N, C-alpha and C. Protein backbone atom coordinates (compact mmCIF):
# COMPACT_ATOMS: atom_id res chain seq x y z
N UNK A 1 0.84 -1.17 0.00
CA UNK A 1 0.00 0.00 0.00
C UNK A 1 0.89 1.25 0.00
N UNK A 2 0.52 2.23 -0.79
CA UNK A 2 1.31 3.44 -0.94
C UNK A 2 1.15 4.36 0.27
N UNK A 3 2.29 4.86 0.76
CA UNK A 3 2.31 5.79 1.91
C UNK A 3 1.96 7.20 1.43
N UNK A 4 1.25 7.96 2.24
CA UNK A 4 1.01 9.36 1.86
C UNK A 4 2.32 10.14 1.91
N UNK A 5 2.46 11.18 1.08
CA UNK A 5 3.71 11.94 1.09
C UNK A 5 3.94 12.64 2.43
N UNK A 6 5.20 12.71 2.83
CA UNK A 6 5.55 13.39 4.08
C UNK A 6 5.54 14.90 3.86
N UNK A 7 5.62 15.65 4.95
CA UNK A 7 5.71 17.12 4.84
C UNK A 7 6.95 17.52 4.06
N UNK A 8 8.05 16.79 4.28
CA UNK A 8 9.29 17.07 3.57
C UNK A 8 9.10 16.87 2.07
N UNK A 9 8.45 15.79 1.69
CA UNK A 9 8.22 15.50 0.27
C UNK A 9 7.31 16.56 -0.35
N UNK A 10 6.30 17.00 0.39
CA UNK A 10 5.41 18.06 -0.13
C UNK A 10 6.19 19.36 -0.32
N UNK A 11 7.05 19.69 0.63
CA UNK A 11 7.86 20.91 0.52
C UNK A 11 8.82 20.80 -0.67
N UNK A 12 9.39 19.62 -0.86
CA UNK A 12 10.25 19.38 -2.02
C UNK A 12 9.47 19.61 -3.31
N UNK A 13 8.27 19.09 -3.38
CA UNK A 13 7.44 19.26 -4.58
C UNK A 13 7.16 20.73 -4.85
N UNK A 14 6.80 21.49 -3.82
CA UNK A 14 6.52 22.93 -3.98
C UNK A 14 7.77 23.69 -4.41
N UNK A 15 8.88 23.41 -3.76
CA UNK A 15 10.12 24.11 -4.07
C UNK A 15 10.62 23.77 -5.48
N UNK A 16 10.52 22.50 -5.83
CA UNK A 16 10.97 22.08 -7.15
C UNK A 16 10.11 22.73 -8.24
N UNK A 17 8.80 22.79 -7.99
CA UNK A 17 7.90 23.43 -8.95
C UNK A 17 8.26 24.91 -9.11
N UNK A 18 8.53 25.60 -8.00
CA UNK A 18 8.92 27.02 -8.06
C UNK A 18 10.20 27.19 -8.88
N UNK A 19 11.16 26.30 -8.68
CA UNK A 19 12.41 26.35 -9.45
C UNK A 19 12.13 26.12 -10.94
N UNK A 20 11.31 25.13 -11.24
CA UNK A 20 10.99 24.85 -12.63
C UNK A 20 10.33 26.05 -13.31
N UNK A 21 9.42 26.71 -12.61
CA UNK A 21 8.73 27.87 -13.19
C UNK A 21 9.71 29.02 -13.45
N UNK A 22 10.64 29.25 -12.53
CA UNK A 22 11.64 30.31 -12.74
C UNK A 22 12.59 29.94 -13.88
N UNK A 23 12.95 28.67 -13.92
CA UNK A 23 13.83 28.18 -14.98
C UNK A 23 13.15 28.34 -16.34
N UNK A 24 11.89 27.96 -16.40
CA UNK A 24 11.09 28.09 -17.62
C UNK A 24 10.99 29.55 -18.05
N UNK A 25 10.72 30.42 -17.11
CA UNK A 25 10.60 31.85 -17.40
C UNK A 25 11.91 32.41 -17.96
N UNK A 26 13.02 31.98 -17.39
CA UNK A 26 14.34 32.41 -17.86
C UNK A 26 14.51 32.06 -19.34
N UNK A 27 14.17 30.82 -19.70
CA UNK A 27 14.34 30.40 -21.08
C UNK A 27 13.31 31.04 -22.00
N UNK A 28 12.10 31.22 -21.52
CA UNK A 28 11.08 31.86 -22.36
C UNK A 28 11.49 33.27 -22.74
N UNK A 29 12.18 33.97 -21.86
CA UNK A 29 12.64 35.32 -22.21
C UNK A 29 13.67 35.24 -23.33
N UNK A 30 14.52 34.21 -23.32
CA UNK A 30 15.48 34.02 -24.40
C UNK A 30 14.77 33.68 -25.71
N UNK A 31 13.75 32.82 -25.63
CA UNK A 31 13.01 32.44 -26.83
C UNK A 31 12.32 33.66 -27.45
N UNK A 32 11.72 34.48 -26.60
CA UNK A 32 11.01 35.65 -27.13
C UNK A 32 11.98 36.63 -27.79
N UNK A 33 13.20 36.72 -27.28
CA UNK A 33 14.23 37.55 -27.93
C UNK A 33 14.50 37.06 -29.35
N UNK A 34 14.34 35.75 -29.54
CA UNK A 34 14.57 35.15 -30.86
C UNK A 34 13.31 35.13 -31.71
N UNK A 35 12.21 35.62 -31.15
CA UNK A 35 10.94 35.63 -31.88
C UNK A 35 10.26 34.28 -31.93
N UNK A 36 10.54 33.43 -30.93
CA UNK A 36 9.97 32.09 -30.88
C UNK A 36 9.24 31.87 -29.56
N UNK A 37 8.29 30.97 -29.60
CA UNK A 37 7.63 30.53 -28.36
C UNK A 37 8.32 29.26 -27.88
N UNK A 38 8.07 28.90 -26.63
CA UNK A 38 8.64 27.66 -26.10
C UNK A 38 8.15 26.46 -26.90
N UNK A 39 6.91 26.51 -27.36
CA UNK A 39 6.36 25.40 -28.15
C UNK A 39 7.09 25.28 -29.49
N UNK A 40 7.41 26.42 -30.11
CA UNK A 40 8.14 26.36 -31.37
C UNK A 40 9.54 25.78 -31.17
N UNK A 41 10.18 26.12 -30.08
CA UNK A 41 11.49 25.55 -29.77
C UNK A 41 11.35 24.03 -29.59
N UNK A 42 10.30 23.63 -28.90
CA UNK A 42 10.05 22.20 -28.70
C UNK A 42 9.83 21.50 -30.04
N UNK A 43 9.10 22.12 -30.95
CA UNK A 43 8.87 21.54 -32.27
C UNK A 43 10.19 21.36 -33.02
N UNK A 44 11.06 22.36 -32.94
CA UNK A 44 12.37 22.25 -33.58
C UNK A 44 13.15 21.07 -33.00
N UNK A 45 13.06 20.89 -31.68
CA UNK A 45 13.74 19.74 -31.05
C UNK A 45 13.16 18.43 -31.56
N UNK A 46 11.84 18.32 -31.61
CA UNK A 46 11.21 17.08 -32.09
C UNK A 46 11.61 16.79 -33.53
N UNK A 47 11.68 17.83 -34.36
CA UNK A 47 12.03 17.63 -35.76
C UNK A 47 13.50 17.28 -35.95
N UNK A 48 14.30 17.43 -34.90
CA UNK A 48 15.70 17.01 -34.95
C UNK A 48 15.81 15.50 -35.16
N UNK A 49 14.75 14.79 -34.77
CA UNK A 49 14.73 13.33 -34.92
C UNK A 49 14.49 12.92 -36.36
N UNK A 50 14.07 13.87 -37.19
CA UNK A 50 13.79 13.59 -38.60
C UNK A 50 12.41 14.09 -38.97
N UNK A 51 12.07 14.01 -40.26
CA UNK A 51 10.76 14.48 -40.72
C UNK A 51 9.63 13.75 -40.00
N UNK A 52 8.56 14.50 -39.75
CA UNK A 52 7.40 13.93 -39.08
C UNK A 52 6.13 14.41 -39.79
N UNK A 53 5.09 13.60 -39.70
CA UNK A 53 3.81 14.05 -40.23
C UNK A 53 3.25 15.10 -39.27
N UNK A 54 2.39 15.94 -39.80
CA UNK A 54 1.75 16.95 -38.96
C UNK A 54 0.99 16.26 -37.82
N UNK A 55 0.36 15.14 -38.11
CA UNK A 55 -0.39 14.41 -37.08
C UNK A 55 0.53 13.91 -35.97
N UNK A 56 1.65 13.30 -36.35
CA UNK A 56 2.59 12.80 -35.35
C UNK A 56 3.19 13.93 -34.53
N UNK A 57 3.48 15.04 -35.19
CA UNK A 57 4.04 16.20 -34.50
C UNK A 57 3.02 16.79 -33.52
N UNK A 58 1.75 16.82 -33.91
CA UNK A 58 0.70 17.31 -33.02
C UNK A 58 0.59 16.41 -31.79
N UNK A 59 0.62 15.10 -31.98
CA UNK A 59 0.54 14.18 -30.85
C UNK A 59 1.75 14.31 -29.93
N UNK A 60 2.93 14.35 -30.52
CA UNK A 60 4.15 14.39 -29.73
C UNK A 60 4.25 15.68 -28.92
N UNK A 61 3.77 16.79 -29.49
CA UNK A 61 3.86 18.08 -28.82
C UNK A 61 2.62 18.40 -27.98
N UNK A 62 1.63 17.50 -28.00
CA UNK A 62 0.36 17.72 -27.30
C UNK A 62 -0.26 19.05 -27.72
N UNK A 63 -0.21 19.30 -29.01
CA UNK A 63 -0.71 20.55 -29.59
C UNK A 63 -1.90 20.23 -30.50
N UNK A 64 -2.94 21.02 -30.41
CA UNK A 64 -4.09 20.84 -31.29
C UNK A 64 -3.64 21.06 -32.73
N UNK A 65 -4.11 20.23 -33.66
CA UNK A 65 -3.69 20.39 -35.06
C UNK A 65 -3.90 21.80 -35.62
N UNK A 66 -5.00 22.45 -35.25
CA UNK A 66 -5.23 23.81 -35.76
C UNK A 66 -4.19 24.79 -35.22
N UNK A 67 -3.78 24.63 -33.98
CA UNK A 67 -2.72 25.47 -33.42
C UNK A 67 -1.36 25.14 -34.03
N UNK A 68 -1.14 23.86 -34.27
CA UNK A 68 0.13 23.43 -34.84
C UNK A 68 0.35 24.06 -36.21
N UNK A 69 -0.70 24.14 -37.00
CA UNK A 69 -0.58 24.73 -38.33
C UNK A 69 -0.03 26.15 -38.25
N UNK A 70 -0.55 26.96 -37.35
CA UNK A 70 -0.07 28.33 -37.18
C UNK A 70 1.38 28.38 -36.72
N UNK A 71 1.75 27.49 -35.80
CA UNK A 71 3.12 27.44 -35.31
C UNK A 71 4.09 27.05 -36.43
N UNK A 72 3.70 26.07 -37.23
CA UNK A 72 4.54 25.63 -38.35
C UNK A 72 4.61 26.73 -39.41
N UNK A 73 3.49 27.44 -39.63
CA UNK A 73 3.51 28.57 -40.58
C UNK A 73 4.59 29.57 -40.19
N UNK A 74 4.66 29.89 -38.89
CA UNK A 74 5.65 30.87 -38.42
C UNK A 74 7.08 30.35 -38.58
N UNK A 75 7.28 29.06 -38.26
CA UNK A 75 8.61 28.48 -38.44
C UNK A 75 8.99 28.41 -39.92
N UNK A 76 7.99 28.18 -40.75
CA UNK A 76 8.23 28.13 -42.19
C UNK A 76 8.59 29.52 -42.73
N UNK A 77 7.94 30.55 -42.18
CA UNK A 77 8.23 31.93 -42.63
C UNK A 77 9.66 32.34 -42.26
N UNK A 78 10.21 31.72 -41.21
CA UNK A 78 11.60 31.98 -40.81
C UNK A 78 12.57 31.06 -41.57
N UNK A 79 12.00 30.20 -42.41
CA UNK A 79 12.77 29.22 -43.21
C UNK A 79 13.46 28.17 -42.35
N UNK A 80 12.87 27.87 -41.19
CA UNK A 80 13.41 26.84 -40.30
C UNK A 80 12.87 25.46 -40.65
N UNK A 81 11.66 25.39 -41.18
CA UNK A 81 11.03 24.12 -41.53
C UNK A 81 10.42 24.22 -42.93
N UNK A 82 10.15 23.04 -43.47
CA UNK A 82 9.40 22.98 -44.73
C UNK A 82 8.37 21.87 -44.62
N UNK A 83 7.25 22.08 -45.29
CA UNK A 83 6.20 21.07 -45.38
C UNK A 83 6.18 20.53 -46.79
N UNK A 84 6.05 19.22 -46.86
CA UNK A 84 5.94 18.57 -48.17
C UNK A 84 4.81 17.56 -48.12
N UNK A 85 4.20 17.37 -49.26
CA UNK A 85 3.16 16.37 -49.39
C UNK A 85 3.81 14.99 -49.41
N UNK A 86 3.23 14.05 -48.65
CA UNK A 86 3.73 12.68 -48.62
C UNK A 86 3.56 12.04 -50.00
N UNK A 87 4.58 11.36 -50.46
CA UNK A 87 4.53 10.73 -51.79
C UNK A 87 3.47 9.65 -51.88
N UNK A 88 3.28 8.89 -50.80
CA UNK A 88 2.34 7.78 -50.81
C UNK A 88 0.89 8.22 -50.60
N UNK A 89 0.69 9.32 -49.87
CA UNK A 89 -0.67 9.79 -49.57
C UNK A 89 -0.66 11.32 -49.55
N UNK A 90 -1.20 11.91 -50.59
CA UNK A 90 -1.15 13.36 -50.75
C UNK A 90 -1.90 14.12 -49.66
N UNK A 91 -2.73 13.44 -48.87
CA UNK A 91 -3.44 14.10 -47.77
C UNK A 91 -2.52 14.35 -46.58
N UNK A 92 -1.40 13.66 -46.55
CA UNK A 92 -0.46 13.75 -45.43
C UNK A 92 0.62 14.76 -45.74
N UNK A 93 0.88 15.63 -44.77
CA UNK A 93 1.97 16.62 -44.90
C UNK A 93 3.10 16.21 -43.96
N UNK A 94 4.30 16.21 -44.48
CA UNK A 94 5.49 15.92 -43.68
C UNK A 94 6.24 17.22 -43.45
N UNK A 95 6.70 17.39 -42.22
CA UNK A 95 7.45 18.58 -41.84
C UNK A 95 8.88 18.16 -41.52
N UNK A 96 9.83 18.96 -42.00
CA UNK A 96 11.24 18.68 -41.69
C UNK A 96 11.98 19.99 -41.50
N UNK A 97 13.10 19.89 -40.81
CA UNK A 97 13.97 21.06 -40.65
C UNK A 97 14.69 21.32 -41.96
N UNK A 98 14.85 22.60 -42.27
CA UNK A 98 15.66 23.00 -43.42
C UNK A 98 17.11 23.09 -42.97
N UNK A 99 18.00 23.38 -43.89
CA UNK A 99 19.40 23.61 -43.53
C UNK A 99 19.51 24.78 -42.55
N UNK A 100 18.74 25.83 -42.83
CA UNK A 100 18.71 26.99 -41.94
C UNK A 100 18.20 26.59 -40.57
N UNK A 101 17.15 25.77 -40.55
CA UNK A 101 16.57 25.30 -39.29
C UNK A 101 17.55 24.45 -38.49
N UNK A 102 18.31 23.61 -39.17
CA UNK A 102 19.29 22.77 -38.49
C UNK A 102 20.41 23.62 -37.90
N UNK A 103 20.86 24.62 -38.66
CA UNK A 103 21.92 25.50 -38.15
C UNK A 103 21.41 26.29 -36.95
N UNK A 104 20.17 26.77 -37.04
CA UNK A 104 19.58 27.51 -35.92
C UNK A 104 19.43 26.60 -34.70
N UNK A 105 18.95 25.38 -34.92
CA UNK A 105 18.80 24.41 -33.83
C UNK A 105 20.12 24.16 -33.13
N UNK A 106 21.18 23.99 -33.90
CA UNK A 106 22.49 23.71 -33.31
C UNK A 106 22.94 24.88 -32.42
N UNK A 107 22.77 26.10 -32.91
CA UNK A 107 23.13 27.29 -32.11
C UNK A 107 22.25 27.39 -30.87
N UNK A 108 20.96 27.15 -31.05
CA UNK A 108 20.02 27.23 -29.94
C UNK A 108 20.34 26.19 -28.87
N UNK A 109 20.61 24.96 -29.28
CA UNK A 109 20.90 23.90 -28.32
C UNK A 109 22.21 24.19 -27.57
N UNK A 110 23.17 24.77 -28.26
CA UNK A 110 24.42 25.15 -27.59
C UNK A 110 24.13 26.22 -26.53
N UNK A 111 23.29 27.17 -26.89
CA UNK A 111 22.93 28.24 -25.94
C UNK A 111 22.15 27.69 -24.75
N UNK A 112 21.23 26.77 -25.03
CA UNK A 112 20.42 26.19 -23.95
C UNK A 112 21.23 25.26 -23.06
N UNK A 113 22.35 24.80 -23.57
CA UNK A 113 23.22 23.93 -22.78
C UNK A 113 24.14 24.68 -21.83
N UNK A 114 24.10 25.99 -21.89
CA UNK A 114 24.93 26.80 -21.00
C UNK A 114 24.29 26.88 -19.61
N UNK A 115 25.10 26.93 -18.55
CA UNK A 115 24.54 27.04 -17.19
C UNK A 115 23.75 28.34 -17.03
N UNK A 116 22.68 28.27 -16.26
CA UNK A 116 21.87 29.45 -15.97
C UNK A 116 22.32 30.01 -14.62
N UNK A 117 21.95 31.25 -14.31
CA UNK A 117 22.46 31.90 -13.09
C UNK A 117 22.27 31.10 -11.80
N UNK A 118 21.13 30.46 -11.62
CA UNK A 118 20.94 29.74 -10.36
C UNK A 118 21.91 28.57 -10.22
N UNK A 119 22.31 27.98 -11.33
CA UNK A 119 23.27 26.87 -11.28
C UNK A 119 24.66 27.39 -10.90
N UNK A 120 25.03 28.52 -11.48
CA UNK A 120 26.34 29.11 -11.22
C UNK A 120 26.46 29.55 -9.76
N UNK A 121 25.33 29.92 -9.16
CA UNK A 121 25.33 30.38 -7.77
C UNK A 121 25.63 29.25 -6.78
N UNK A 122 25.48 28.00 -7.23
CA UNK A 122 25.77 26.85 -6.36
C UNK A 122 27.27 26.60 -6.30
N UNK A 123 27.74 26.08 -5.18
CA UNK A 123 29.14 25.70 -5.07
C UNK A 123 29.40 24.49 -5.97
N UNK A 124 30.65 24.21 -6.24
CA UNK A 124 31.00 23.04 -7.06
C UNK A 124 30.50 21.76 -6.40
N UNK A 125 30.61 21.68 -5.06
CA UNK A 125 30.11 20.50 -4.35
C UNK A 125 28.60 20.37 -4.50
N UNK A 126 27.89 21.50 -4.35
CA UNK A 126 26.43 21.47 -4.52
C UNK A 126 26.06 21.05 -5.94
N UNK A 127 26.79 21.57 -6.91
CA UNK A 127 26.52 21.21 -8.31
C UNK A 127 26.72 19.71 -8.52
N UNK A 128 27.79 19.16 -7.95
CA UNK A 128 28.06 17.73 -8.09
C UNK A 128 26.97 16.89 -7.42
N UNK A 129 26.56 17.30 -6.23
CA UNK A 129 25.49 16.58 -5.53
C UNK A 129 24.18 16.65 -6.32
N UNK A 130 23.85 17.85 -6.80
CA UNK A 130 22.61 18.03 -7.56
C UNK A 130 22.64 17.18 -8.83
N UNK A 131 23.76 17.15 -9.50
CA UNK A 131 23.89 16.34 -10.71
C UNK A 131 23.63 14.87 -10.40
N UNK A 132 24.17 14.38 -9.31
CA UNK A 132 23.92 12.99 -8.90
C UNK A 132 22.46 12.74 -8.57
N UNK A 133 21.85 13.68 -7.86
CA UNK A 133 20.43 13.55 -7.50
C UNK A 133 19.56 13.54 -8.75
N UNK A 134 19.84 14.47 -9.67
CA UNK A 134 19.06 14.53 -10.91
C UNK A 134 19.23 13.24 -11.70
N UNK A 135 20.43 12.72 -11.76
CA UNK A 135 20.67 11.45 -12.45
C UNK A 135 19.85 10.32 -11.87
N UNK A 136 19.83 10.23 -10.54
CA UNK A 136 19.02 9.18 -9.90
C UNK A 136 17.54 9.41 -10.14
N UNK A 137 17.10 10.67 -10.09
CA UNK A 137 15.69 10.98 -10.33
C UNK A 137 15.30 10.61 -11.76
N UNK A 138 16.16 10.93 -12.72
CA UNK A 138 15.87 10.59 -14.11
C UNK A 138 15.81 9.07 -14.32
N UNK A 139 16.66 8.34 -13.61
CA UNK A 139 16.60 6.87 -13.68
C UNK A 139 15.27 6.37 -13.16
N UNK A 140 14.78 6.99 -12.09
CA UNK A 140 13.49 6.60 -11.52
C UNK A 140 12.33 6.93 -12.44
N UNK A 141 12.44 8.04 -13.17
CA UNK A 141 11.38 8.42 -14.10
C UNK A 141 11.27 7.40 -15.22
N UNK A 142 12.40 6.88 -15.66
CA UNK A 142 12.40 5.90 -16.75
C UNK A 142 11.65 4.63 -16.39
N UNK A 143 11.56 4.33 -15.10
CA UNK A 143 10.88 3.10 -14.68
C UNK A 143 9.44 3.34 -14.23
N UNK A 144 9.01 4.61 -14.23
CA UNK A 144 7.65 4.92 -13.77
C UNK A 144 6.64 4.57 -14.85
N UNK A 145 5.55 3.91 -14.48
CA UNK A 145 4.50 3.67 -15.47
C UNK A 145 3.78 5.01 -15.76
N UNK A 146 3.24 5.18 -17.00
CA UNK A 146 2.53 6.42 -17.29
C UNK A 146 1.29 6.56 -16.39
N UNK A 147 1.01 7.80 -15.98
CA UNK A 147 -0.14 8.06 -15.14
C UNK A 147 -1.41 8.00 -15.97
N UNK A 148 -2.39 7.31 -15.47
CA UNK A 148 -3.66 7.20 -16.18
C UNK A 148 -4.56 8.35 -15.78
N UNK A 149 -5.30 8.87 -16.79
CA UNK A 149 -6.22 9.98 -16.52
C UNK A 149 -7.46 9.54 -15.80
């Protein structure tokens, strides 16, 4: 039988959520400087895996197809992506990164891989401990069954 969360665990959840929101806000300000939304950045990351159908991209990004079309339109206007009709079924549109999109993605990922101010504020020992904790947490996430609605 599952134990209810302790006060410590609840405080951890609240604090971690606050950190995630600040971290997200930090990156969103960078994205807006580039004229992109966080969702568009996520789409660029997904397309790094290779061309995808609009349907698959909508599912993977949890984005409504009508909203996805507008997001892809904007990425296409920046020449980051292209849409092509599927050879086997003309009703299907495939989206892929262009050369410009790949170059932009590489620069963006390098920028996103840089430490943010809150990380730099930690001591080297704290950074090492946090890295170990995150690694263990990520290992635990890999074994978690998906939550049912």
